[in-house]
Structure formats: C-alpha cells, structure tokens
N, C-alpha and C. Protein backbone atom coordinates (compact mmCIF):
# COMPACT_ATOMS: atom_id res chain seq x y z
N MET A 1 65.91 176.45 146.28
CA MET A 1 67.23 175.76 146.69
C MET A 1 66.95 174.36 146.13
N MET A 2 67.72 173.56 145.48
CA MET A 2 67.79 172.32 145.14
C MET A 2 67.81 171.42 146.45
N ARG A 3 67.27 170.18 146.34
CA ARG A 3 67.27 169.01 147.49
C ARG A 3 68.06 168.54 147.35
N ARG A 4 69.01 167.87 148.29
CA ARG A 4 70.24 167.23 147.80
C ARG A 4 70.12 166.19 147.08
N SER A 5 69.04 165.43 147.29
CA SER A 5 68.83 164.32 146.08
C SER A 5 69.07 164.79 144.62
N GLU A 6 68.51 166.05 144.11
CA GLU A 6 68.48 166.55 143.07
C GLU A 6 69.50 166.36 142.93
N LEU A 7 70.69 167.03 143.53
CA LEU A 7 72.41 167.51 143.29
C LEU A 7 73.00 166.19 143.35
N LEU A 8 72.61 165.01 143.71
CA LEU A 8 73.21 163.67 143.78
C LEU A 8 72.58 162.96 142.70
N TRP A 9 71.64 163.00 141.96
CA TRP A 9 71.13 162.19 140.81
C TRP A 9 72.01 162.35 139.58
N PRO A 10 72.71 163.54 139.48
CA PRO A 10 73.62 163.31 138.19
C PRO A 10 74.94 162.49 138.98
N ILE A 11 75.67 162.35 139.79
CA ILE A 11 76.53 161.70 139.99
C ILE A 11 76.23 160.46 140.26
N PHE A 12 74.52 159.72 140.37
CA PHE A 12 74.28 158.48 140.28
C PHE A 12 74.17 158.11 138.72
N ILE A 13 73.74 159.21 137.96
CA ILE A 13 73.59 158.39 136.49
C ILE A 13 75.22 158.15 135.75
N LEU A 14 75.70 159.32 136.45
CA LEU A 14 77.18 159.12 135.68
C LEU A 14 78.02 157.57 136.09
N CYS A 15 77.84 157.35 137.70
CA CYS A 15 78.29 156.17 137.98
C CYS A 15 77.48 154.81 137.31
N LEU A 16 76.34 155.14 136.87
CA LEU A 16 75.59 154.11 136.44
C LEU A 16 75.91 153.78 135.29
N GLY A 17 76.37 154.91 134.64
CA GLY A 17 76.66 154.62 132.90
C GLY A 17 78.30 154.18 132.95
N ALA A 18 78.94 154.80 133.90
CA ALA A 18 80.21 154.05 133.99
C ALA A 18 80.28 152.49 134.48
N ALA A 19 79.52 152.09 135.28
CA ALA A 19 79.39 150.76 135.81
C ALA A 19 78.92 149.96 134.55
N TYR A 20 78.03 150.53 133.54
CA TYR A 20 77.26 149.53 132.54
C TYR A 20 78.20 150.01 131.19
N GLY A 21 79.41 150.52 131.15
CA GLY A 21 80.32 150.78 129.94
C GLY A 21 79.68 151.72 129.29
N GLY A 22 80.30 151.61 127.90
CA GLY A 22 80.21 152.21 126.64
C GLY A 22 78.78 151.76 126.19
N PRO A 23 78.48 151.76 124.92
CA PRO A 23 77.53 151.30 124.09
C PRO A 23 77.54 149.77 124.19
N SER A 24 75.99 149.51 124.12
CA SER A 24 75.95 148.07 124.23
C SER A 24 76.02 147.27 122.68
N ASP A 25 76.24 146.11 123.15
CA ASP A 25 76.32 145.18 121.86
C ASP A 25 75.07 144.15 122.14
N SER A 26 75.10 143.02 121.26
CA SER A 26 73.84 142.48 121.19
C SER A 26 73.40 141.68 122.31
N GLU A 27 75.16 141.48 123.04
CA GLU A 27 75.14 140.62 124.26
C GLU A 27 75.07 141.26 125.68
N ASN A 28 75.60 142.33 125.81
CA ASN A 28 75.48 143.16 126.96
C ASN A 28 74.84 144.15 126.67
N ARG A 29 73.44 144.25 127.20
CA ARG A 29 72.72 145.48 126.93
C ARG A 29 72.25 146.14 128.31
N ILE A 30 71.81 147.20 128.43
CA ILE A 30 71.17 147.78 129.45
C ILE A 30 69.70 148.61 128.93
N PHE A 31 68.53 148.78 129.94
CA PHE A 31 67.48 149.93 130.09
C PHE A 31 67.66 150.51 131.21
N TYR A 32 67.13 151.53 131.11
CA TYR A 32 66.92 152.56 132.50
C TYR A 32 65.51 152.96 132.42
N PHE A 33 65.45 153.00 134.06
CA PHE A 33 64.00 152.88 134.43
C PHE A 33 63.57 154.15 135.48
N LEU A 34 62.76 154.44 135.64
CA LEU A 34 62.00 155.31 136.53
C LEU A 34 60.45 155.10 136.78
N ARG A 35 60.23 155.77 138.15
CA ARG A 35 58.61 155.68 138.26
C ARG A 35 58.00 157.23 137.71
N SER A 36 57.21 156.88 136.80
CA SER A 36 57.05 158.24 136.25
C SER A 36 55.59 158.98 137.72
N GLY A 37 55.55 160.21 137.16
CA GLY A 37 54.56 160.79 138.35
C GLY A 37 52.83 160.66 138.06
N ARG A 38 52.59 159.66 137.25
CA ARG A 38 51.55 158.63 136.81
C ARG A 38 51.62 157.74 137.81
N ASN A 39 52.60 157.10 138.50
CA ASN A 39 52.27 156.09 139.20
C ASN A 39 52.50 154.92 138.23
N GLN A 40 53.56 155.01 137.22
CA GLN A 40 53.91 154.08 136.56
C GLN A 40 55.22 153.63 136.54
N TRP A 41 55.97 152.75 135.80
CA TRP A 41 57.39 152.37 135.53
C TRP A 41 57.41 152.73 134.16
N CYS A 42 58.24 153.49 133.73
CA CYS A 42 58.92 153.60 132.17
C CYS A 42 60.26 153.09 132.06
N GLY A 43 60.96 152.60 130.92
CA GLY A 43 61.99 151.90 130.85
C GLY A 43 62.48 152.63 129.42
N TYR A 44 63.63 153.15 129.37
CA TYR A 44 64.49 153.94 128.47
C TYR A 44 65.45 153.03 127.72
N SER A 45 65.93 153.13 126.48
CA SER A 45 66.83 152.54 125.96
C SER A 45 68.05 153.36 125.91
N ASP A 46 67.69 154.56 125.99
CA ASP A 46 68.38 155.93 125.79
C ASP A 46 69.15 156.60 127.09
N ARG A 47 70.18 156.59 127.41
CA ARG A 47 70.05 157.46 128.62
C ARG A 47 70.29 158.95 128.92
N VAL A 48 70.53 159.14 127.78
CA VAL A 48 70.32 161.09 127.61
C VAL A 48 68.87 161.30 127.65
N ARG A 49 67.94 160.40 126.91
CA ARG A 49 66.34 160.45 127.36
C ARG A 49 65.78 160.14 128.46
N TRP A 50 66.11 159.04 128.89
CA TRP A 50 66.15 158.62 130.42
C TRP A 50 66.47 159.86 131.45
N GLN A 51 67.81 160.64 130.98
CA GLN A 51 68.32 161.41 132.21
C GLN A 51 66.94 162.82 132.00
N THR A 52 66.90 163.18 131.29
CA THR A 52 66.20 164.22 130.69
C THR A 52 64.46 163.95 131.29
N GLU A 53 64.03 162.75 131.20
CA GLU A 53 62.32 162.25 131.74
C GLU A 53 63.22 162.64 133.17
N LEU A 54 64.12 161.99 133.70
CA LEU A 54 64.07 161.92 135.15
C LEU A 54 64.30 163.36 135.72
N LYS A 55 65.06 164.10 135.06
CA LYS A 55 64.90 165.60 135.79
C LYS A 55 63.49 166.15 135.46
N ARG A 56 63.06 166.23 134.56
CA ARG A 56 61.41 166.45 134.12
C ARG A 56 60.37 166.33 135.09
N SER A 57 60.50 164.63 135.72
CA SER A 57 59.61 164.05 136.53
C SER A 57 60.05 164.46 137.91
N GLY A 58 61.04 164.36 138.37
CA GLY A 58 61.71 164.56 139.54
C GLY A 58 61.14 163.10 140.44
N SER A 59 61.19 161.93 139.44
CA SER A 59 60.94 160.93 140.14
C SER A 59 62.38 160.53 141.36
N ASN A 60 61.51 160.08 142.44
CA ASN A 60 62.53 159.60 143.63
C ASN A 60 62.58 158.12 143.65
N THR A 61 62.63 157.45 142.44
CA THR A 61 62.99 155.90 142.08
C THR A 61 63.24 155.63 140.75
N TYR A 62 64.60 155.40 140.95
CA TYR A 62 64.97 155.14 139.29
C TYR A 62 66.35 154.23 139.39
N GLY A 63 67.17 153.79 138.18
CA GLY A 63 67.85 153.08 138.15
C GLY A 63 68.21 152.29 136.81
N GLY A 64 68.72 151.42 136.69
CA GLY A 64 68.99 150.65 135.31
C GLY A 64 69.04 148.70 135.50
N VAL A 65 68.62 148.34 134.43
CA VAL A 65 68.61 146.87 134.73
C VAL A 65 70.11 146.77 133.18
N GLU A 66 71.13 145.76 133.83
CA GLU A 66 71.76 145.37 132.70
C GLU A 66 71.27 143.55 132.48
N PHE A 67 71.68 143.60 131.35
CA PHE A 67 71.45 142.19 130.51
C PHE A 67 72.97 141.71 130.14
N LYS A 68 73.17 140.52 130.44
CA LYS A 68 74.20 139.53 129.93
C LYS A 68 73.67 138.42 129.05
N ASN A 69 74.11 137.98 127.87
CA ASN A 69 73.74 137.19 127.14
C ASN A 69 72.12 137.14 126.86
N GLY A 70 71.64 138.23 127.03
CA GLY A 70 69.97 138.02 126.85
C GLY A 70 68.89 137.84 128.06
N TYR A 71 69.90 138.00 129.37
CA TYR A 71 69.12 137.55 130.60
C TYR A 71 69.81 138.91 131.90
N PRO A 72 68.63 139.19 132.35
CA PRO A 72 68.90 140.49 133.69
C PRO A 72 70.25 139.49 134.34
N SER A 73 71.37 140.77 134.63
CA SER A 73 72.25 140.28 135.44
C SER A 73 72.51 141.24 136.90
N THR A 74 72.38 142.68 136.52
CA THR A 74 72.38 143.51 137.50
C THR A 74 71.67 144.62 137.42
N VAL A 75 70.94 144.96 138.80
CA VAL A 75 69.97 145.70 138.81
C VAL A 75 70.32 146.98 139.68
N ARG A 76 70.45 147.96 139.27
CA ARG A 76 70.93 148.90 140.52
C ARG A 76 69.77 150.17 140.09
N MET A 77 69.34 150.58 141.52
CA MET A 77 67.76 151.03 141.84
C MET A 77 68.41 152.45 142.98
N ALA A 78 67.86 153.12 142.53
CA ALA A 78 68.26 154.30 143.98
C ALA A 78 66.75 154.77 144.39
N GLN A 79 66.84 155.17 145.48
CA GLN A 79 65.38 155.73 145.93
C GLN A 79 65.89 156.73 147.05
N SER A 80 64.72 157.92 147.22
CA SER A 80 65.21 158.83 148.15
C SER A 80 63.86 159.76 148.54
N ASP A 81 64.07 160.00 149.63
CA ASP A 81 62.84 160.87 150.06
C ASP A 81 62.64 162.21 149.35
N SER A 82 61.36 162.96 149.66
CA SER A 82 60.88 163.94 148.95
C SER A 82 61.64 165.20 149.63
N SER A 83 62.36 164.95 150.91
CA SER A 83 62.85 166.10 151.41
C SER A 83 64.44 166.19 151.02
N GLY A 84 64.57 165.22 150.82
CA GLY A 84 65.98 165.07 149.96
C GLY A 84 67.22 164.94 150.93
N ASP A 85 66.88 164.10 152.25
CA ASP A 85 67.63 164.16 153.45
C ASP A 85 68.31 162.87 153.29
N TRP A 86 67.73 161.86 152.78
CA TRP A 86 68.32 160.54 152.31
C TRP A 86 68.39 159.93 150.88
N VAL A 87 69.14 158.98 150.67
CA VAL A 87 68.97 158.20 149.21
C VAL A 87 69.62 156.59 149.53
N ILE A 88 68.82 155.97 148.70
CA ILE A 88 69.37 154.18 149.10
C ILE A 88 69.71 153.92 147.51
N ASN A 89 70.70 153.32 147.59
CA ASN A 89 71.20 152.89 146.27
C ASN A 89 71.17 151.12 146.65
N ASP A 90 70.89 150.35 145.76
CA ASP A 90 70.84 149.18 145.93
C ASP A 90 71.79 148.44 144.98
N GLN A 91 72.09 147.68 144.82
CA GLN A 91 72.61 146.75 143.79
C GLN A 91 72.60 145.21 143.91
N TYR A 92 71.78 145.01 142.99
CA TYR A 92 71.41 143.87 143.23
C TYR A 92 71.70 142.70 142.15
N GLU A 93 72.66 141.74 142.38
CA GLU A 93 73.27 140.64 140.92
C GLU A 93 72.45 139.48 141.24
N LEU A 94 71.95 138.84 139.76
CA LEU A 94 71.21 138.35 139.76
C LEU A 94 71.91 136.78 138.83
N ASP A 95 72.01 135.54 139.22
CA ASP A 95 72.27 134.38 138.74
C ASP A 95 72.10 134.31 137.21
N GLY A 96 72.44 133.47 136.36
CA GLY A 96 72.04 132.42 135.48
C GLY A 96 70.77 132.45 135.55
N ASN A 97 69.79 131.93 136.15
CA ASN A 97 68.60 131.43 136.34
C ASN A 97 67.81 132.80 136.56
N GLY A 98 68.18 133.77 136.81
CA GLY A 98 67.06 135.29 137.28
C GLY A 98 67.20 135.30 138.41
N LYS A 99 67.72 134.22 139.44
CA LYS A 99 67.58 134.48 141.00
C LYS A 99 68.37 135.50 141.52
N ILE A 100 67.90 136.37 142.45
CA ILE A 100 68.65 137.24 142.85
C ILE A 100 69.68 136.67 143.79
N ALA A 101 71.03 136.70 143.65
CA ALA A 101 72.46 135.94 144.31
C ALA A 101 72.75 137.03 145.21
N GLN A 102 72.85 138.68 145.63
CA GLN A 102 73.73 139.29 146.00
C GLN A 102 72.93 140.63 145.90
N LEU A 103 72.90 141.15 147.17
CA LEU A 103 72.31 142.72 147.35
C LEU A 103 73.38 143.07 148.28
N LYS A 104 73.98 144.88 147.58
CA LYS A 104 74.84 145.34 148.31
C LYS A 104 74.03 146.70 148.41
N ARG A 105 73.83 147.59 149.57
CA ARG A 105 72.68 148.56 150.10
C ARG A 105 73.60 149.59 150.87
N VAL A 106 73.62 150.82 149.90
CA VAL A 106 74.08 152.03 150.49
C VAL A 106 73.14 152.90 150.49
N ILE A 107 73.16 153.75 152.16
CA ILE A 107 72.13 154.10 152.65
C ILE A 107 72.94 155.81 152.89
N LYS A 108 72.59 156.51 152.15
CA LYS A 108 73.32 158.03 152.77
C LYS A 108 72.59 159.02 153.48
N PHE A 109 72.85 159.60 154.56
CA PHE A 109 72.20 160.19 155.48
C PHE A 109 72.62 161.82 154.92
N PHE A 110 72.00 162.91 154.80
CA PHE A 110 72.70 163.82 154.86
C PHE A 110 72.82 164.67 155.74
N PRO A 111 71.93 164.83 156.42
CA PRO A 111 71.72 165.77 157.48
C PRO A 111 72.97 165.33 158.85
N GLU A 112 73.26 163.87 159.04
CA GLU A 112 74.70 163.69 159.72
C GLU A 112 75.78 163.56 158.92
N ASP A 113 75.74 163.67 157.60
CA ASP A 113 76.83 163.30 157.24
C ASP A 113 77.51 162.05 156.88
N GLU A 114 76.82 160.95 156.63
CA GLU A 114 77.07 159.81 157.22
C GLU A 114 76.24 158.53 156.11
N SER A 115 77.27 157.98 155.81
CA SER A 115 76.52 156.68 155.22
C SER A 115 76.92 155.23 155.76
N GLU A 116 75.98 154.30 155.24
CA GLU A 116 76.12 152.96 155.84
C GLU A 116 76.12 152.10 154.45
N GLU A 117 77.14 151.51 154.52
CA GLU A 117 77.27 150.27 153.64
C GLU A 117 76.64 149.20 154.19
N GLN A 118 75.88 148.01 153.60
CA GLN A 118 75.14 146.87 153.75
C GLN A 118 75.46 146.07 152.82
N GLU A 119 75.64 144.69 153.39
CA GLU A 119 75.82 143.51 152.40
C GLU A 119 74.72 142.49 153.20
N PHE A 120 74.19 141.78 152.10
CA PHE A 120 73.05 140.97 152.39
C PHE A 120 73.82 139.58 151.95
N ARG A 121 73.45 138.54 152.65
CA ARG A 121 73.95 137.33 152.16
C ARG A 121 72.46 136.15 152.05
N TRP A 122 72.29 135.23 151.35
CA TRP A 122 71.33 134.42 151.18
C TRP A 122 71.59 133.39 151.99
N GLU A 123 70.26 133.17 152.92
CA GLU A 123 70.47 132.22 154.15
C GLU A 123 69.05 131.65 154.54
N SER A 124 68.95 130.19 154.33
CA SER A 124 67.61 129.66 154.51
C SER A 124 66.54 130.27 153.79
N GLY A 125 67.05 130.70 152.44
CA GLY A 125 65.62 131.27 151.44
C GLY A 125 65.17 132.66 152.11
N ARG A 126 66.04 133.33 152.52
CA ARG A 126 65.97 135.19 152.68
C ARG A 126 67.54 135.57 152.46
N PHE A 127 67.47 137.01 152.13
CA PHE A 127 68.60 137.88 152.45
C PHE A 127 68.56 138.01 154.22
N VAL A 128 69.90 137.97 154.62
CA VAL A 128 70.13 138.68 155.99
C VAL A 128 71.26 139.32 156.27
N LYS A 129 71.13 140.65 156.68
CA LYS A 129 72.13 141.38 156.60
C LYS A 129 73.36 140.50 157.18
N ALA A 130 74.68 140.66 156.39
CA ALA A 130 75.64 140.10 156.78
C ALA A 130 76.90 140.91 157.59
N GLY A 131 76.91 142.06 156.71
CA GLY A 131 77.63 143.20 157.41
C GLY A 131 77.28 144.44 157.25
N SER A 132 77.75 145.25 158.07
CA SER A 132 77.16 146.63 157.94
C SER A 132 78.74 147.52 158.10
N VAL A 133 78.92 148.88 157.71
CA VAL A 133 80.37 149.64 157.58
C VAL A 133 79.88 151.30 157.78
N LEU A 134 79.66 152.21 158.82
CA LEU A 134 79.60 153.54 158.54
C LEU A 134 80.74 154.10 158.22
N ARG A 135 79.95 155.44 157.35
CA ARG A 135 81.40 156.00 157.04
C ARG A 135 80.88 157.37 156.86
N ASP A 136 81.83 158.05 157.04
CA ASP A 136 81.84 159.47 156.83
C ASP A 136 81.71 159.78 155.51
N LEU A 137 80.25 160.53 155.23
CA LEU A 137 79.71 161.21 153.90
C LEU A 137 81.10 161.73 152.79
N HIS A 138 81.60 162.82 153.61
CA HIS A 138 82.61 163.60 152.43
C HIS A 138 84.34 162.55 152.47
N SER A 139 84.54 162.52 153.62
CA SER A 139 85.72 161.44 153.39
C SER A 139 85.95 160.32 153.53
N GLN A 140 84.90 159.79 153.42
CA GLN A 140 84.82 157.73 153.39
C GLN A 140 85.69 157.26 154.31
N ASP A 141 85.69 158.22 155.61
CA ASP A 141 86.42 157.33 156.63
C ASP A 141 85.63 156.68 157.46
N LEU A 142 85.87 155.34 158.09
CA LEU A 142 85.37 154.36 158.78
C LEU A 142 84.92 155.23 160.09
N MET A 143 83.45 155.38 160.61
CA MET A 143 83.14 155.92 161.68
C MET A 143 82.87 154.84 162.61
N SER A 144 82.89 154.82 163.83
CA SER A 144 82.56 153.89 164.92
C SER A 144 81.12 154.32 164.99
N PRO A 145 80.10 153.36 165.40
CA PRO A 145 78.76 153.65 165.38
C PRO A 145 78.42 154.09 166.85
N GLN A 146 78.24 155.04 167.32
CA GLN A 146 78.02 155.88 168.27
C GLN A 146 76.48 155.85 168.32
N HIS A 147 75.91 155.96 167.54
CA HIS A 147 74.47 155.66 167.43
C HIS A 147 74.06 154.99 166.33
N PRO A 148 73.05 154.70 165.74
CA PRO A 148 72.45 153.80 164.74
C PRO A 148 71.85 154.90 163.85
N ILE A 149 72.83 154.77 162.24
CA ILE A 149 72.13 155.30 161.34
C ILE A 149 70.54 155.71 161.58
N PHE A 150 69.95 157.04 160.84
CA PHE A 150 68.67 157.30 160.99
C PHE A 150 68.29 155.83 160.32
N GLU A 151 66.61 155.82 160.79
CA GLU A 151 65.77 154.62 160.36
C GLU A 151 65.34 155.23 159.36
N VAL A 152 65.21 154.26 158.52
CA VAL A 152 64.08 155.04 157.29
C VAL A 152 62.91 153.64 157.37
N SER A 153 61.77 153.94 156.88
CA SER A 153 60.96 152.98 157.00
C SER A 153 61.64 151.52 156.16
N PRO A 154 61.23 150.67 156.63
CA PRO A 154 62.18 149.30 156.30
C PRO A 154 61.40 149.29 154.49
N LEU A 155 62.65 149.02 153.90
CA LEU A 155 62.61 149.05 152.50
C LEU A 155 62.85 147.41 152.13
N PRO A 156 61.84 147.24 151.09
CA PRO A 156 61.84 145.87 151.11
C PRO A 156 63.47 145.41 150.32
N VAL A 157 63.67 144.08 150.49
CA VAL A 157 64.73 143.30 150.15
C VAL A 157 64.04 142.17 149.06
N PHE A 158 64.47 142.26 147.87
CA PHE A 158 63.83 141.46 146.87
C PHE A 158 64.54 140.27 146.98
N VAL A 159 63.59 138.88 146.62
CA VAL A 159 64.51 137.60 146.44
C VAL A 159 64.25 137.39 145.42
N GLU A 160 63.48 138.29 144.21
CA GLU A 160 63.06 137.29 143.05
C GLU A 160 63.10 138.88 142.39
N LYS A 161 63.43 138.47 140.66
CA LYS A 161 63.13 139.55 139.86
C LYS A 161 61.63 139.70 139.78
N ALA A 162 60.88 138.85 139.98
CA ALA A 162 59.30 139.17 139.68
C ALA A 162 58.99 140.02 140.80
N GLU A 163 59.52 140.13 141.89
CA GLU A 163 58.95 141.34 143.45
C GLU A 163 59.84 142.61 142.70
N PHE A 164 60.22 142.91 142.11
CA PHE A 164 60.99 144.20 141.46
C PHE A 164 59.54 145.15 141.10
N PRO A 165 59.26 146.13 141.74
CA PRO A 165 58.21 147.12 141.36
C PRO A 165 58.18 147.41 139.39
N PHE A 166 59.24 147.01 139.02
CA PHE A 166 59.14 147.40 137.73
C PHE A 166 59.67 145.97 137.01
N ALA A 167 59.03 145.17 137.60
CA ALA A 167 59.36 143.68 136.81
C ALA A 167 58.89 143.62 135.53
N GLN A 168 57.94 144.03 135.32
CA GLN A 168 56.80 143.95 133.68
C GLN A 168 57.85 144.80 132.87
N LEU A 169 58.64 145.66 133.20
CA LEU A 169 59.72 146.30 132.30
C LEU A 169 60.75 145.38 132.31
N VAL A 170 61.39 144.68 132.91
CA VAL A 170 62.30 143.48 132.67
C VAL A 170 61.80 142.40 131.66
N ASN A 171 60.39 142.67 131.32
CA ASN A 171 60.06 141.10 130.54
C ASN A 171 59.67 141.85 129.27
N LYS A 172 59.67 143.40 128.82
CA LYS A 172 59.66 144.10 128.06
C LYS A 172 60.96 144.61 127.83
N ALA A 173 61.84 144.15 127.72
CA ALA A 173 63.45 144.68 127.30
C ALA A 173 63.28 144.87 125.92
N LYS A 174 63.31 143.92 125.23
CA LYS A 174 63.32 143.82 123.80
C LYS A 174 62.39 144.92 122.86
N GLU A 175 61.50 145.20 123.35
CA GLU A 175 60.42 146.12 123.10
C GLU A 175 60.86 147.34 123.37
N ILE A 176 61.79 147.67 124.86
CA ILE A 176 62.07 148.96 125.19
C ILE A 176 63.32 149.00 123.95
N TRP A 177 64.13 148.25 123.78
CA TRP A 177 65.26 148.80 123.07
C TRP A 177 64.99 148.85 121.73
N SER A 178 64.01 148.08 121.09
CA SER A 178 63.07 148.71 119.74
C SER A 178 62.86 149.61 119.70
N THR A 179 61.80 150.26 120.74
CA THR A 179 60.91 151.25 120.35
C THR A 179 61.92 152.73 120.91
N GLY A 180 62.94 152.45 121.87
CA GLY A 180 63.15 153.22 123.05
C GLY A 180 62.69 153.54 124.06
N LYS A 181 61.07 153.35 124.14
CA LYS A 181 60.34 153.80 125.57
C LYS A 181 59.25 152.56 125.70
N SER A 182 59.26 152.45 126.87
CA SER A 182 57.87 151.39 127.35
C SER A 182 57.49 151.64 128.91
N CYS A 183 56.43 151.83 129.05
CA CYS A 183 55.95 152.06 130.33
C CYS A 183 54.87 150.90 130.54
N SER A 184 54.61 150.55 131.77
CA SER A 184 54.14 149.38 132.57
C SER A 184 53.40 150.12 133.81
N PRO A 185 52.32 149.94 134.29
CA PRO A 185 51.61 150.30 135.63
C PRO A 185 52.16 149.52 136.73
C-alpha cells in the first residue's frame, strides 16, 4: 500500500507547476530540486525528469526555486516523514536582495485529518509565528483547536538563502539550466 505522502506528491508537483506557470523565459525561470538517496541535493531544469527521479528516489524533501530577473524570488519546499503521516509545505518569498522576507508553512497531519496554516513575520532579526489556522484536511473548514496539532520535531525556519540545505544549487542555477541537472553535497 502506498504511503499518504506518496499519494500527495503528485498533487504538490501539479501545484508547484501551476504556481510557476508555463515555460520559462530568460527573465523568469525555475529549477526543481530533491534530496537524493546519496545524501546530496540535485537540481533539475526539466520538471518531467525531476518528477521521474523524485518517484524513483522516494525523496522526502523536494521543491522548486523560482527566479525573477535572474534572482531567486520564491522557494517552495516539501518535507514528509517516512511513515507518510505528515507533510510540511514551506513557501519562502525573497526580496530583491536575496533576503527571505516571508514564510508561509502548511502542516498536514493525516491521522487526524487536519492541517495547520502558519504565517511568520520578520521581527527583530528573526521570524516569529504571526498566526495559525487549523483546518479540516478534507473540507477545509476551520476547526477550533481543542488540542494542538501534532508536534513534529522543530523544523528550521531559514532566514537567509545561504541557510537552505540546497543553497549550493541556487548558486549553480545557470549550470542546471544549461546542462539539465547538477548535484551538490
């Protein structure tokens, strides 16, 4: 039987593709990334090739980096546990200087059929949670928090693009686009 996260990765991929639009031009481009089984990060310029490798590798950390005018502007990253009980989708928005300006995080916890949408704001040199909404996973109706959503081990909230575990790929974006793939430790 497939894990829940395996069932949802195609939905994430479709959303990722829809969010980034159609074919890229020289001003707006994207590369897709995943953490490979060899504990390295690989970036792909072609979404189909990336999807194939993602399915083959079973990676539980993957996403995409959108560039506008040659600079990274949006990072979408998904992480899931090996049991398929939860998945966390982060969307980082970067300013024109490459600094992370905003983070939206959605945590989906399948055993309880709930999701939590979190927004973070920049305050005193760090991100602080500005708000949180609990929803029924299927109906998307608001839920009153009678108990906290499951606690995952604290996931990092990155404040600079250099902190992303795949940051070397961001610096190799031109290579990824020209060769189709590049990997870094």
